[in-house]
Amino acid sequence: MRVVLLGASGQLGCDLKRTVPPNVKLFSLTRNELDITLKTNVETVLENLKPDIVINTSAYVKVDKAEEEINEAFKVNAIGVKYLVEICKKLKITLLHISTDYVFDGKKGKLKEPYYESDQPNPLNVYGISKLSGELLIRNYLERYYIIRVASLFGKAGASGKGGNFVYTILNKAKAKQPLKVVNDIYMSPTYTLDAAKEIWKLLLEKREFGIYHITNSGYCSWFEFAKEIIKIAKIDTDIKPVSHTEFKTKAKRPLWSPLSSEKGIKLPHWKTALDRFLKEII
């Protein structure tokens, strides 16, 4: 199996490289090496490498900045994806594309139920709308595709587009004895990129049915509960205060509830177990 990985320097990209199965020939390309918004370049590279599968982890992920940089968000998350769709269709390549829990509006919070693959998306911000646009382009124009929705990622590499991740931020602030205020009314599914990467390879090797899949660690929590668990496992003595999301003024409206779960038989370890393994690796 020949696979081209786009966005190879991101958290998920790095762990996809770490976990590549022995029978896969992987070609890893960072955004600097191949920008998906440059259609001719992408087409030339894919024609030369002749992959069976393209994994696209490239994305514009700056949620608040996207409210102002609308063109930039859509350029990467929609137009770049459109180019990939056209090229993959022409060259008969399967596309595996990474999407997000932010395609949902959080209204299932009233039911305290996670979002499943069959739930109707309704994004609240430009970032979410741009990611859903990419999904729709894939679903409407390709037959051979996997759309993988992930959420609240943490991994060894940090998030290249954001500069670190939540776990590193909490650890650094806690070690520096900085006062910690963390929102206690936004709920999500923390996901270890190593676990997600292994499941993505499994899905491809098993040649699962094409379509949408939610790949997150099991369970859900608020960002405050997540931060408390980080400090507890790391054994750092520091004060942490729960606050409402209204204390942090953000340009982008966020869903207050976006835990994901799969109705397609995918079950990853609980997020607490995953966090414990991750922290033991980095501390």
Foldseek 3Di string as FASTA:
>chain_A
DEEEEEQLLFFLNVLLVVPPDPVYHYHYDHCVRPPLLPLVRVLVVCVVRVGQEYEYPDAQDPFQCCQVVVVVRLSRQANSLLSVLVSCVVSVHAYEYEAELQQAQQPCVVVVDADEQPDDGDHQGSNSVSNVNSVCSCVVRHQRYEYEYEYQEAGDSAGPNPPGHLLVVLVVCLVVQHEAEFEFQAKEFYAYSNQQSNVVSVCVVVVPHHDYWYDGADDMGGSQVVSVLSCVLVVGDHDHHYDHPVVDDGNTDGHSYRYYDYPPPDHHHHVSVVSNVRVVVPD
